[in-house]
Amino acid sequence: MKKIPLLTATVAAILAFFASALLAETKIACIGDSITFGYLIPTRDADNYPKQLGKLLGDEFEVRNFGNPGKTCGDYPSQKNRRRWLGDNAEHKNGTAWQADVYICNLGINDTGAWWDEKLFVSGYERLIEDWVGGRKGVSLLMWTKLAPDFRGPDGKATFPGNVFLPEFSFPKQDNGSAKNRPAAEKLLAKIAKKYKAHAIDAYTPLAAHPEFYLPDGLHPNALGAKRLAEITFAELVKADLPKIKIPQAKPQLVPAKDGKSITLKNKSDVAVLLDGASLRNGKTTFVFENATVIPPHGEIVVSLGGKQDRKDPAKPLVSSKLKRASGVKYVPAN
């Protein structure tokens, strides 16, 4: 019997290892409308939210963008000639054929126009879900049940949230009647999520106080808004108990400033670190992270110490009024 040279066997083992690693890559499909697509973002190819989510997750995950501007989850006869229903478009067919492990969907805003119909809204969305899952076991579904903000509308009239950040931010005064049907749409989205055991995502609350994350049209996030959506989604994926989502979380390195007035948290891993629930402690004094605070791969964040208040706003620096000095501070992971 001819013996296989040791070097050949080693090479074969290495190739087999890398082949299995590639096969083990978790596939995440981001389905949706213009917000998922990254419409009007000048650097769309690099900065749409699925692309930024992929950077946070690292090489063990493949994230693809199946967004298509203007699309609905309901199949409305009056919109058939415009191919408004996502199911009539290549993005849906391609996203289904890819057979992803995880489907993350934002649809619903474009359904709230004059063609709104509750029955068609539900039946159309359920047909899409049935195609994605296709009877496969272990497929996870995440749904935006609270849709992203809409800053359009009459000046000063609070809706979702409406054009209420004047005079610094002024958005179009016409929302095409969307606000009228949005509460009903979100109520139905919650019911659909419950029926299909989908993980619900609130895309509204984290962005509603941040018009600076939006383009001048008041409906589409800019690159910073897409970054925030990626962080929110990453946080949901880390916290959700999903079958094929195991995201390694490294312990960040603490680097106190020489003047003792701040602490830098460095992430040296290839995967982003979610800090929510983790804390910085100095004796009995504790500063707890929340609000989808994420350190990007090989990135860092700075916590200033001794400030007047704890700032949990993602658009502002982190400031701890509780921690007065950097010496003796320890990092405690979330439970």
C-alpha atoms as a PDB file:
ATOM      1  CA  MET A   1       0.000   0.000   0.000  1.00  0.00           C
ATOM      2  CA  LYS A   2       1.394   3.352  -1.075  1.00  0.00           C
ATOM      3  CA  LYS A   3       1.870   5.825   1.782  1.00  0.00           C
ATOM      4  CA  ILE A   4       0.617   9.427   1.454  1.00  0.00           C
ATOM      5  CA  PRO A   5       3.491  11.882   2.024  1.00  0.00           C
ATOM      6  CA  LEU A   6       3.140  13.738   5.297  1.00  0.00           C
ATOM      7  CA  LEU A   7       3.277  17.147   3.562  1.00  0.00           C
ATOM      8  CA  THR A   8       0.449  16.177   1.172  1.00  0.00           C
ATOM      9  CA  ALA A   9      -1.707  14.988   4.048  1.00  0.00           C
ATOM     10  CA  THR A  10      -1.076  18.216   5.915  1.00  0.00           C
ATOM     11  CA  VAL A  11      -2.033  20.329   2.919  1.00  0.00           C
ATOM     12  CA  ALA A  12      -5.184  18.252   2.458  1.00  0.00           C
ATOM     13  CA  ALA A  13      -6.124  18.765   6.110  1.00  0.00           C
ATOM     14  CA  ILE A  14      -5.600  22.518   5.818  1.00  0.00           C
ATOM     15  CA  LEU A  15      -7.733  22.710   2.681  1.00  0.00           C
ATOM     16  CA  ALA A  16     -10.460  20.666   4.359  1.00  0.00           C
ATOM     17  CA  PHE A  17     -10.374  22.978   7.366  1.00  0.00           C
ATOM     18  CA  PHE A  18     -10.804  26.105   5.255  1.00  0.00           C
ATOM     19  CA  ALA A  19     -13.512  24.458   3.167  1.00  0.00           C
ATOM     20  CA  SER A  20     -15.484  23.582   6.298  1.00  0.00           C
ATOM     21  CA  ALA A  21     -14.986  27.114   7.643  1.00  0.00           C
ATOM     22  CA  LEU A  22     -16.451  28.579   4.476  1.00  0.00           C
ATOM     23  CA  LEU A  23     -19.402  26.224   4.605  1.00  0.00           C
ATOM     24  CA  ALA A  24     -20.004  27.167   8.236  1.00  0.00           C
ATOM     25  CA  GLU A  25     -20.404  30.858   7.399  1.00  0.00           C
ATOM     26  CA  THR A  26     -23.759  32.148   8.669  1.00  0.00           C
ATOM     27  CA  LYS A  27     -25.842  33.826   5.978  1.00  0.00           C
ATOM     28  CA  ILE A  28     -27.863  36.924   6.885  1.00  0.00           C
ATOM     29  CA  ALA A  29     -30.289  38.427   4.368  1.00  0.00           C
ATOM     30  CA  CYS A  30     -31.385  42.022   4.924  1.00  0.00           C
ATOM     31  CA  ILE A  31     -34.742  42.445   3.195  1.00  0.00           C
ATOM     32  CA  GLY A  32     -36.530  45.747   2.810  1.00  0.00           C
ATOM     33  CA  ASP A  33     -37.225  48.976   0.998  1.00  0.00           C
ATOM     34  CA  SER A  34     -35.123  52.082   0.304  1.00  0.00           C
ATOM     35  CA  ILE A  35     -33.844  52.279   3.889  1.00  0.00           C
ATOM     36  CA  THR A  36     -32.261  48.843   3.612  1.00  0.00           C
ATOM     37  CA  PHE A  37     -31.052  49.656   0.095  1.00  0.00           C
ATOM     38  CA  GLY A  38     -29.346  52.826   1.340  1.00  0.00           C
ATOM     39  CA  TYR A  39     -31.210  55.160  -1.003  1.00  0.00           C
ATOM     40  CA  LEU A  40     -29.684  58.636  -1.490  1.00  0.00           C
ATOM     41  CA  ILE A  41     -26.601  57.926   0.655  1.00  0.00           C
ATOM     42  CA  PRO A  42     -23.739  59.312  -1.490  1.00  0.00           C
ATOM     43  CA  THR A  43     -21.466  56.472  -0.364  1.00  0.00           C
ATOM     44  CA  ARG A  44     -24.245  53.857  -0.546  1.00  0.00           C
ATOM     45  CA  ASP A  45     -22.065  50.907  -1.570  1.00  0.00           C
ATOM     46  CA  ALA A  46     -19.885  51.292   1.525  1.00  0.00           C
ATOM     47  CA  ASP A  47     -22.330  52.764   4.019  1.00  0.00           C
ATOM     48  CA  ASN A  48     -25.744  51.127   3.614  1.00  0.00           C
ATOM     49  CA  TYR A  49     -26.798  49.523   6.891  1.00  0.00           C
ATOM     50  CA  PRO A  50     -26.391  45.844   5.814  1.00  0.00           C
ATOM     51  CA  LYS A  51     -22.838  46.604   4.661  1.00  0.00           C
ATOM     52  CA  GLN A  52     -22.027  48.260   7.989  1.00  0.00           C
ATOM     53  CA  LEU A  53     -23.668  45.373   9.866  1.00  0.00           C
ATOM     54  CA  GLY A  54     -21.419  42.935   8.018  1.00  0.00           C
ATOM     55  CA  LYS A  55     -18.340  44.872   9.162  1.00  0.00           C
ATOM     56  CA  LEU A  56     -19.495  44.643  12.783  1.00  0.00           C
ATOM     57  CA  LEU A  57     -20.126  40.891  12.568  1.00  0.00           C
ATOM     58  CA  GLY A  58     -16.813  39.889  10.988  1.00  0.00           C
ATOM     59  CA  ASP A  59     -15.848  37.151   8.557  1.00  0.00           C
ATOM     60  CA  GLU A  60     -17.883  34.352  10.134  1.00  0.00           C
ATOM     61  CA  PHE A  61     -21.043  35.998   8.769  1.00  0.00           C
ATOM     62  CA  GLU A  62     -22.033  36.906   5.233  1.00  0.00           C
ATOM     63  CA  VAL A  63     -24.530  39.762   5.085  1.00  0.00           C
ATOM     64  CA  ARG A  64     -26.287  40.570   1.818  1.00  0.00           C
ATOM     65  CA  ASN A  65     -28.487  43.530   0.931  1.00  0.00           C
ATOM     66  CA  PHE A  66     -31.809  42.677  -0.733  1.00  0.00           C
ATOM     67  CA  GLY A  67     -33.349  46.117  -0.360  1.00  0.00           C
ATOM     68  CA  ASN A  68     -35.410  47.679  -3.144  1.00  0.00           C
ATOM     69  CA  PRO A  69     -36.645  51.289  -2.950  1.00  0.00           C
ATOM     70  CA  GLY A  70     -40.386  51.909  -2.850  1.00  0.00           C
ATOM     71  CA  LYS A  71     -41.386  48.327  -2.188  1.00  0.00           C
ATOM     72  CA  THR A  72     -44.306  47.138  -0.044  1.00  0.00           C
ATOM     73  CA  CYS A  73     -45.110  43.976   1.850  1.00  0.00           C
ATOM     74  CA  GLY A  74     -48.738  44.134   0.665  1.00  0.00           C
ATOM     75  CA  ASP A  75     -49.704  43.123  -2.860  1.00  0.00           C
ATOM     76  CA  TYR A  76     -52.041  45.959  -3.897  1.00  0.00           C
ATOM     77  CA  PRO A  77     -53.867  45.715  -7.288  1.00  0.00           C
ATOM     78  CA  SER A  78     -53.605  49.478  -7.875  1.00  0.00           C
ATOM     79  CA  GLN A  79     -49.801  49.249  -7.562  1.00  0.00           C
ATOM     80  CA  LYS A  80     -49.307  46.130  -9.675  1.00  0.00           C
ATOM     81  CA  ASN A  81     -48.162  48.071 -12.736  1.00  0.00           C
ATOM     82  CA  ARG A  82     -45.453  49.690 -10.596  1.00  0.00           C
ATOM     83  CA  ARG A  83     -44.279  46.336  -9.221  1.00  0.00           C
ATOM     84  CA  ARG A  84     -44.565  47.731  -5.705  1.00  0.00           C
ATOM     85  CA  TRP A  85     -44.942  44.353  -3.966  1.00  0.00           C
ATOM     86  CA  LEU A  86     -41.496  43.028  -3.057  1.00  0.00           C
ATOM     87  CA  GLY A  87     -42.576  39.539  -4.113  1.00  0.00           C
ATOM     88  CA  ASP A  88     -42.736  40.648  -7.752  1.00  0.00           C
ATOM     89  CA  ASN A  89     -39.094  41.703  -7.791  1.00  0.00           C
ATOM     90  CA  ALA A  90     -35.693  40.090  -8.257  1.00  0.00           C
ATOM     91  CA  GLU A  91     -34.551  41.008  -4.736  1.00  0.00           C
ATOM     92  CA  HIS A  92     -37.199  38.740  -3.236  1.00  0.00           C
ATOM     93  CA  LYS A  93     -36.456  35.882  -5.623  1.00  0.00           C
ATOM     94  CA  ASN A  94     -32.716  36.195  -5.052  1.00  0.00           C
ATOM     95  CA  GLY A  95     -33.069  36.505  -1.292  1.00  0.00           C
ATOM     96  CA  THR A  96     -35.278  33.415  -1.195  1.00  0.00           C
ATOM     97  CA  ALA A  97     -32.994  31.378  -3.466  1.00  0.00           C
ATOM     98  CA  TRP A  98     -29.978  32.240  -1.290  1.00  0.00           C
ATOM     99  CA  GLN A  99     -31.580  30.313   1.589  1.00  0.00           C
ATOM    100  CA  ALA A 100     -30.223  32.486   4.354  1.00  0.00           C
ATOM    101  CA  ASP A 101     -29.981  31.367   7.967  1.00  0.00           C
ATOM    102  CA  VAL A 102     -31.386  34.700   9.134  1.00  0.00           C
ATOM    103  CA  TYR A 103     -33.815  37.121   7.466  1.00  0.00           C
ATOM    104  CA  ILE A 104     -34.008  40.687   8.790  1.00  0.00           C
ATOM    105  CA  CYS A 105     -36.905  42.606   7.290  1.00  0.00           C
ATOM    106  CA  ASN A 106     -37.943  46.249   7.243  1.00  0.00           C
ATOM    107  CA  LEU A 107     -41.105  46.671   5.215  1.00  0.00           C
ATOM    108  CA  GLY A 108     -44.260  48.647   5.904  1.00  0.00           C
ATOM    109  CA  ILE A 109     -43.595  52.359   5.429  1.00  0.00           C
ATOM    110  CA  ASN A 110     -44.464  52.239   1.722  1.00  0.00           C
ATOM    111  CA  ASP A 111     -47.699  50.390   2.529  1.00  0.00           C
ATOM    112  CA  THR A 112     -49.180  53.338   4.392  1.00  0.00           C
ATOM    113  CA  GLY A 113     -50.111  55.374   1.312  1.00  0.00           C
ATOM    114  CA  ALA A 114     -53.508  55.792  -0.345  1.00  0.00           C
ATOM    115  CA  TRP A 115     -53.537  52.092  -1.372  1.00  0.00           C
ATOM    116  CA  TRP A 116     -53.471  50.899   2.269  1.00  0.00           C
ATOM    117  CA  ASP A 117     -55.438  47.672   2.866  1.00  0.00           C
ATOM    118  CA  GLU A 118     -55.040  45.691   6.090  1.00  0.00           C
ATOM    119  CA  LYS A 119     -55.912  42.286   4.609  1.00  0.00           C
ATOM    120  CA  LEU A 120     -53.548  42.682   1.664  1.00  0.00           C
ATOM    121  CA  PHE A 121     -50.849  44.005   3.994  1.00  0.00           C
ATOM    122  CA  VAL A 122     -50.971  40.847   6.124  1.00  0.00           C
ATOM    123  CA  SER A 123     -51.452  38.317   3.322  1.00  0.00           C
ATOM    124  CA  GLY A 124     -48.626  39.822   1.263  1.00  0.00           C
ATOM    125  CA  TYR A 125     -46.163  39.849   4.158  1.00  0.00           C
ATOM    126  CA  GLU A 126     -47.035  36.284   5.128  1.00  0.00           C
ATOM    127  CA  ARG A 127     -46.450  35.088   1.547  1.00  0.00           C
ATOM    128  CA  LEU A 128     -42.990  36.662   1.648  1.00  0.00           C
ATOM    129  CA  ILE A 129     -42.165  34.993   4.962  1.00  0.00           C
ATOM    130  CA  GLU A 130     -43.360  31.596   3.767  1.00  0.00           C
ATOM    131  CA  ASP A 131     -41.046  31.912   0.754  1.00  0.00           C
ATOM    132  CA  TRP A 132     -38.036  32.860   2.886  1.00  0.00           C
ATOM    133  CA  VAL A 133     -38.479  30.093   5.426  1.00  0.00           C
ATOM    134  CA  GLY A 134     -39.721  27.497   2.930  1.00  0.00           C
ATOM    135  CA  GLY A 135     -40.280  24.850   5.576  1.00  0.00           C
ATOM    136  CA  ARG A 136     -36.609  24.859   6.569  1.00  0.00           C
ATOM    137  CA  LYS A 137     -35.803  24.318  10.232  1.00  0.00           C
ATOM    138  CA  GLY A 138     -33.576  26.675  12.180  1.00  0.00           C
ATOM    139  CA  VAL A 139     -34.271  29.748  10.043  1.00  0.00           C
ATOM    140  CA  SER A 140     -34.503  32.907  12.152  1.00  0.00           C
ATOM    141  CA  LEU A 141     -36.684  35.898  11.326  1.00  0.00           C
ATOM    142  CA  LEU A 142     -36.226  39.429  12.661  1.00  0.00           C
ATOM    143  CA  MET A 143     -38.866  42.046  11.856  1.00  0.00           C
ATOM    144  CA  TRP A 144     -39.040  45.806  12.254  1.00  0.00           C
ATOM    145  CA  THR A 145     -42.310  46.076  14.142  1.00  0.00           C
ATOM    146  CA  LYS A 146     -41.648  49.710  15.032  1.00  0.00           C
ATOM    147  CA  LEU A 147     -40.709  51.323  11.744  1.00  0.00           C
ATOM    148  CA  ALA A 148     -37.935  53.872  11.321  1.00  0.00           C
ATOM    149  CA  PRO A 149     -38.810  57.545  11.932  1.00  0.00           C
ATOM    150  CA  ASP A 150     -40.555  59.774   9.425  1.00  0.00           C
ATOM    151  CA  PHE A 151     -39.598  63.417  10.012  1.00  0.00           C
ATOM    152  CA  ARG A 152     -41.930  64.775   7.327  1.00  0.00           C
ATOM    153  CA  GLY A 153     -45.223  66.531   7.948  1.00  0.00           C
ATOM    154  CA  PRO A 154     -46.772  69.881   8.901  1.00  0.00           C
ATOM    155  CA  ASP A 155     -44.492  72.097  10.971  1.00  0.00           C
ATOM    156  CA  GLY A 156     -44.714  71.338  14.683  1.00  0.00           C
ATOM    157  CA  LYS A 157     -47.270  68.528  14.413  1.00  0.00           C
ATOM    158  CA  ALA A 158     -45.947  65.523  16.320  1.00  0.00           C
ATOM    159  CA  THR A 159     -46.432  62.236  14.487  1.00  0.00           C
ATOM    160  CA  PHE A 160     -43.578  59.742  13.900  1.00  0.00           C
ATOM    161  CA  PRO A 161     -42.013  62.066  15.110  1.00  0.00           C
ATOM    162  CA  GLY A 162     -42.937  64.580  12.432  1.00  0.00           C
ATOM    163  CA  ASN A 163     -41.417  67.907  11.453  1.00  0.00           C
ATOM    164  CA  VAL A 164     -40.846  69.011  15.039  1.00  0.00           C
ATOM    165  CA  PHE A 165     -37.132  69.874  15.169  1.00  0.00           C
ATOM    166  CA  LEU A 166     -37.439  73.381  13.779  1.00  0.00           C
ATOM    167  CA  PRO A 167     -35.632  75.645  13.149  1.00  0.00           C
ATOM    168  CA  GLU A 168     -32.377  73.694  13.107  1.00  0.00           C
ATOM    169  CA  PHE A 169     -33.876  70.867  11.059  1.00  0.00           C
ATOM    170  CA  SER A 170     -36.636  71.538   8.542  1.00  0.00           C
ATOM    171  CA  PHE A 171     -38.089  68.667   6.541  1.00  0.00           C
ATOM    172  CA  PRO A 172     -40.808  68.448   3.831  1.00  0.00           C
ATOM    173  CA  LYS A 173     -44.237  69.441   5.100  1.00  0.00           C
ATOM    174  CA  GLN A 174     -46.044  66.679   3.194  1.00  0.00           C
ATOM    175  CA  ASP A 175     -45.845  63.029   4.289  1.00  0.00           C
ATOM    176  CA  ASN A 176     -48.251  61.721   1.624  1.00  0.00           C
ATOM    177  CA  GLY A 177     -50.736  60.685   4.297  1.00  0.00           C
ATOM    178  CA  SER A 178     -48.414  58.056   5.737  1.00  0.00           C
ATOM    179  CA  ALA A 179     -48.931  59.024   9.394  1.00  0.00           C
ATOM    180  CA  LYS A 180     -52.633  58.208   9.222  1.00  0.00           C
ATOM    181  CA  ASN A 181     -52.131  54.489   8.566  1.00  0.00           C
ATOM    182  CA  ARG A 182     -48.872  53.896  10.383  1.00  0.00           C
ATOM    183  CA  PRO A 183     -50.356  52.905  13.791  1.00  0.00           C
ATOM    184  CA  ALA A 184     -52.480  50.207  12.138  1.00  0.00           C
ATOM    185  CA  ALA A 185     -49.485  48.954  10.151  1.00  0.00           C
ATOM    186  CA  GLU A 186     -47.297  48.628  13.252  1.00  0.00           C
ATOM    187  CA  LYS A 187     -50.059  46.862  15.152  1.00  0.00           C
ATOM    188  CA  LEU A 188     -50.325  44.295  12.349  1.00  0.00           C
ATOM    189  CA  LEU A 189     -46.542  43.926  12.155  1.00  0.00           C
ATOM    190  CA  ALA A 190     -46.504  42.960  15.838  1.00  0.00           C
ATOM    191  CA  LYS A 191     -49.186  40.326  15.195  1.00  0.00           C
ATOM    192  CA  ILE A 192     -47.317  38.868  12.235  1.00  0.00           C
ATOM    193  CA  ALA A 193     -44.100  38.730  14.270  1.00  0.00           C
ATOM    194  CA  LYS A 194     -45.894  36.877  17.050  1.00  0.00           C
ATOM    195  CA  LYS A 195     -47.451  34.399  14.620  1.00  0.00           C
ATOM    196  CA  TYR A 196     -44.112  33.521  13.024  1.00  0.00           C
ATOM    197  CA  LYS A 197     -42.126  33.731  16.271  1.00  0.00           C
ATOM    198  CA  ALA A 198     -40.007  36.512  14.807  1.00  0.00           C
ATOM    199  CA  HIS A 199     -37.708  38.641  16.933  1.00  0.00           C
ATOM    200  CA  ALA A 200     -39.173  42.154  16.989  1.00  0.00           C
ATOM    201  CA  ILE A 201     -36.932  45.163  16.341  1.00  0.00           C
ATOM    202  CA  ASP A 202     -37.787  48.716  17.354  1.00  0.00           C
ATOM    203  CA  ALA A 203     -36.164  50.893  14.695  1.00  0.00           C
ATOM    204  CA  TYR A 204     -38.084  53.984  15.804  1.00  0.00           C
ATOM    205  CA  THR A 205     -37.135  54.769  19.405  1.00  0.00           C
ATOM    206  CA  PRO A 206     -33.324  54.856  18.967  1.00  0.00           C
ATOM    207  CA  LEU A 207     -33.574  57.272  16.017  1.00  0.00           C
ATOM    208  CA  ALA A 208     -36.636  59.424  16.740  1.00  0.00           C
ATOM    209  CA  ALA A 209     -34.694  62.112  18.637  1.00  0.00           C
ATOM    210  CA  HIS A 210     -31.932  62.293  16.033  1.00  0.00           C
ATOM    211  CA  PRO A 211     -32.836  64.287  12.943  1.00  0.00           C
ATOM    212  CA  GLU A 212     -29.096  64.688  12.350  1.00  0.00           C
ATOM    213  CA  PHE A 213     -29.077  61.010  11.325  1.00  0.00           C
ATOM    214  CA  TYR A 214     -31.408  61.777   8.396  1.00  0.00           C
ATOM    215  CA  LEU A 215     -31.130  63.152   4.881  1.00  0.00           C
ATOM    216  CA  PRO A 216     -32.996  66.382   3.957  1.00  0.00           C
ATOM    217  CA  ASP A 217     -36.014  64.421   2.663  1.00  0.00           C
ATOM    218  CA  GLY A 218     -36.835  63.427   6.252  1.00  0.00           C
ATOM    219  CA  LEU A 219     -37.485  59.791   5.385  1.00  0.00           C
ATOM    220  CA  HIS A 220     -34.107  58.231   4.614  1.00  0.00           C
ATOM    221  CA  PRO A 221     -31.163  57.839   7.022  1.00  0.00           C
ATOM    222  CA  ASN A 222     -27.795  59.237   6.030  1.00  0.00           C
ATOM    223  CA  ALA A 223     -24.557  57.275   6.496  1.00  0.00           C
ATOM    224  CA  LEU A 224     -24.562  58.008  10.249  1.00  0.00           C
ATOM    225  CA  GLY A 225     -28.175  56.872  10.499  1.00  0.00           C
ATOM    226  CA  ALA A 226     -27.335  53.670   8.625  1.00  0.00           C
ATOM    227  CA  LYS A 227     -24.426  53.126  11.036  1.00  0.00           C
ATOM    228  CA  ARG A 228     -26.822  53.482  13.947  1.00  0.00           C
ATOM    229  CA  LEU A 229     -29.257  50.999  12.362  1.00  0.00           C
ATOM    230  CA  ALA A 230     -26.366  48.557  11.962  1.00  0.00           C
ATOM    231  CA  GLU A 231     -25.469  48.964  15.656  1.00  0.00           C
ATOM    232  CA  ILE A 232     -29.079  48.461  16.741  1.00  0.00           C
ATOM    233  CA  THR A 233     -29.358  45.326  14.600  1.00  0.00           C
ATOM    234  CA  PHE A 234     -26.028  44.013  15.859  1.00  0.00           C
ATOM    235  CA  ALA A 235     -27.224  44.502  19.441  1.00  0.00           C
ATOM    236  CA  GLU A 236     -30.409  42.560  18.710  1.00  0.00           C
ATOM    237  CA  LEU A 237     -28.441  39.701  17.146  1.00  0.00           C
ATOM    238  CA  VAL A 238     -26.104  39.475  20.146  1.00  0.00           C
ATOM    239  CA  LYS A 239     -28.938  39.518  22.694  1.00  0.00           C
ATOM    240  CA  ALA A 240     -31.470  37.338  20.859  1.00  0.00           C
ATOM    241  CA  ASP A 241     -31.421  33.598  21.467  1.00  0.00           C
ATOM    242  CA  LEU A 242     -31.265  32.518  17.822  1.00  0.00           C
ATOM    243  CA  PRO A 243     -30.249  28.994  16.686  1.00  0.00           C
ATOM    244  CA  LYS A 244     -27.360  29.872  14.348  1.00  0.00           C
ATOM    245  CA  ILE A 245     -26.251  33.193  15.806  1.00  0.00           C
ATOM    246  CA  LYS A 246     -23.242  32.791  18.072  1.00  0.00           C
ATOM    247  CA  ILE A 247     -21.332  36.052  18.083  1.00  0.00           C
ATOM    248  CA  PRO A 248     -18.072  35.904  20.078  1.00  0.00           C
ATOM    249  CA  GLN A 249     -17.684  38.845  22.427  1.00  0.00           C
ATOM    250  CA  ALA A 250     -14.167  39.823  23.460  1.00  0.00           C
ATOM    251  CA  LYS A 251     -13.379  41.613  26.691  1.00  0.00           C
ATOM    252  CA  PRO A 252     -12.244  45.153  25.852  1.00  0.00           C
ATOM    253  CA  GLN A 253      -8.925  46.436  27.137  1.00  0.00           C
ATOM    254  CA  LEU A 254      -9.133  49.372  29.564  1.00  0.00           C
ATOM    255  CA  VAL A 255      -6.603  52.156  29.027  1.00  0.00           C
ATOM    256  CA  PRO A 256      -6.826  54.951  31.631  1.00  0.00           C
ATOM    257  CA  ALA A 257      -5.730  58.399  30.469  1.00  0.00           C
ATOM    258  CA  LYS A 258      -2.571  59.781  32.087  1.00  0.00           C
ATOM    259  CA  ASP A 259      -4.522  62.645  33.614  1.00  0.00           C
ATOM    260  CA  GLY A 260      -7.042  60.180  35.075  1.00  0.00           C
ATOM    261  CA  LYS A 261      -9.987  62.005  33.506  1.00  0.00           C
ATOM    262  CA  SER A 262     -11.056  59.334  31.022  1.00  0.00           C
ATOM    263  CA  ILE A 263     -10.867  55.650  30.180  1.00  0.00           C
ATOM    264  CA  THR A 264     -10.511  54.245  26.667  1.00  0.00           C
ATOM    265  CA  LEU A 265     -12.056  50.852  25.930  1.00  0.00           C
ATOM    266  CA  LYS A 266     -10.207  49.126  23.078  1.00  0.00           C
ATOM    267  CA  ASN A 267     -11.575  46.200  21.088  1.00  0.00           C
ATOM    268  CA  LYS A 268      -8.705  44.190  19.604  1.00  0.00           C
ATOM    269  CA  SER A 269     -10.899  41.490  18.051  1.00  0.00           C
ATOM    270  CA  ASP A 270     -12.263  41.098  14.506  1.00  0.00           C
ATOM    271  CA  VAL A 271     -15.857  41.270  15.777  1.00  0.00           C
ATOM    272  CA  ALA A 272     -17.629  44.254  17.327  1.00  0.00           C
ATOM    273  CA  VAL A 273     -18.316  44.223  21.071  1.00  0.00           C
ATOM    274  CA  LEU A 274     -21.727  45.101  22.505  1.00  0.00           C
ATOM    275  CA  LEU A 275     -21.334  46.826  25.866  1.00  0.00           C
ATOM    276  CA  ASP A 276     -25.023  46.853  26.882  1.00  0.00           C
ATOM    277  CA  GLY A 277     -25.380  45.518  30.420  1.00  0.00           C
ATOM    278  CA  ALA A 278     -21.635  45.613  31.025  1.00  0.00           C
ATOM    279  CA  SER A 279     -20.266  48.096  33.525  1.00  0.00           C
ATOM    280  CA  LEU A 280     -17.264  50.001  34.758  1.00  0.00           C
ATOM    281  CA  ARG A 281     -16.844  49.660  38.507  1.00  0.00           C
ATOM    282  CA  ASN A 282     -14.724  51.341  41.126  1.00  0.00           C
ATOM    283  CA  GLY A 283     -15.642  49.939  44.519  1.00  0.00           C
ATOM    284  CA  LYS A 284     -19.354  50.527  44.997  1.00  0.00           C
ATOM    285  CA  THR A 285     -19.549  53.040  42.169  1.00  0.00           C
ATOM    286  CA  THR A 286     -20.881  51.665  38.870  1.00  0.00           C
ATOM    287  CA  PHE A 287     -21.376  53.018  35.356  1.00  0.00           C
ATOM    288  CA  VAL A 288     -23.605  50.738  33.257  1.00  0.00           C
ATOM    289  CA  PHE A 289     -23.632  50.755  29.456  1.00  0.00           C
ATOM    290  CA  GLU A 290     -26.877  50.619  27.486  1.00  0.00           C
ATOM    291  CA  ASN A 291     -28.607  51.920  24.342  1.00  0.00           C
ATOM    292  CA  ALA A 292     -26.777  49.659  21.826  1.00  0.00           C
ATOM    293  CA  THR A 293     -23.301  50.924  22.703  1.00  0.00           C
ATOM    294  CA  VAL A 294     -20.987  49.112  20.285  1.00  0.00           C
ATOM    295  CA  ILE A 295     -17.198  49.118  19.891  1.00  0.00           C
ATOM    296  CA  PRO A 296     -16.346  48.316  16.254  1.00  0.00           C
ATOM    297  CA  PRO A 297     -13.706  45.709  15.386  1.00  0.00           C
ATOM    298  CA  HIS A 298     -10.237  47.039  16.223  1.00  0.00           C
ATOM    299  CA  GLY A 299     -11.904  50.238  17.404  1.00  0.00           C
ATOM    300  CA  GLU A 300     -12.359  52.070  20.672  1.00  0.00           C
ATOM    301  CA  ILE A 301     -14.660  54.329  22.675  1.00  0.00           C
ATOM    302  CA  VAL A 302     -13.803  56.849  25.381  1.00  0.00           C
ATOM    303  CA  VAL A 303     -15.666  57.374  28.653  1.00  0.00           C
ATOM    304  CA  SER A 304     -14.992  60.750  30.276  1.00  0.00           C
ATOM    305  CA  LEU A 305     -15.058  60.720  34.078  1.00  0.00           C
ATOM    306  CA  GLY A 306     -16.427  63.186  36.584  1.00  0.00           C
ATOM    307  CA  GLY A 307     -18.867  64.930  34.256  1.00  0.00           C
ATOM    308  CA  LYS A 308     -22.123  66.518  35.368  1.00  0.00           C
ATOM    309  CA  GLN A 309     -24.333  63.761  33.997  1.00  0.00           C
ATOM    310  CA  ASP A 310     -24.374  60.328  32.415  1.00  0.00           C
ATOM    311  CA  ARG A 311     -24.866  60.812  28.690  1.00  0.00           C
ATOM    312  CA  LYS A 312     -26.542  57.840  27.060  1.00  0.00           C
ATOM    313  CA  ASP A 313     -27.216  59.628  23.791  1.00  0.00           C
ATOM    314  CA  PRO A 314     -25.297  57.804  21.001  1.00  0.00           C
ATOM    315  CA  ALA A 315     -24.745  61.114  19.220  1.00  0.00           C
ATOM    316  CA  LYS A 316     -22.843  62.514  22.214  1.00  0.00           C
ATOM    317  CA  PRO A 317     -19.719  61.428  24.119  1.00  0.00           C
ATOM    318  CA  LEU A 318     -20.081  58.994  26.991  1.00  0.00           C
ATOM    319  CA  VAL A 319     -19.717  60.807  30.299  1.00  0.00           C
ATOM    320  CA  SER A 320     -19.879  59.243  33.761  1.00  0.00           C
ATOM    321  CA  SER A 321     -20.767  61.455  36.691  1.00  0.00           C
ATOM    322  CA  LYS A 322     -20.402  58.468  39.013  1.00  0.00           C
ATOM    323  CA  LEU A 323     -16.812  57.490  38.284  1.00  0.00           C
ATOM    324  CA  LYS A 324     -14.478  60.249  39.488  1.00  0.00           C
ATOM    325  CA  ARG A 325     -11.093  58.713  38.712  1.00  0.00           C
ATOM    326  CA  ALA A 326      -9.628  56.114  36.352  1.00  0.00           C
ATOM    327  CA  SER A 327      -7.440  54.242  38.848  1.00  0.00           C
ATOM    328  CA  GLY A 328      -8.928  51.037  40.175  1.00  0.00           C
ATOM    329  CA  VAL A 329     -11.729  50.900  37.602  1.00  0.00           C
ATOM    330  CA  LYS A 330     -12.620  47.364  36.420  1.00  0.00           C
ATOM    331  CA  TYR A 331     -14.695  46.146  33.490  1.00  0.00           C
ATOM    332  CA  VAL A 332     -17.521  43.766  34.402  1.00  0.00           C
ATOM    333  CA  PRO A 333     -19.191  41.916  31.489  1.00  0.00           C
ATOM    334  CA  ALA A 334     -22.972  41.705  31.187  1.00  0.00           C
ATOM    335  CA  ASN A 335     -24.583  38.694  32.811  1.00  0.00           C
END
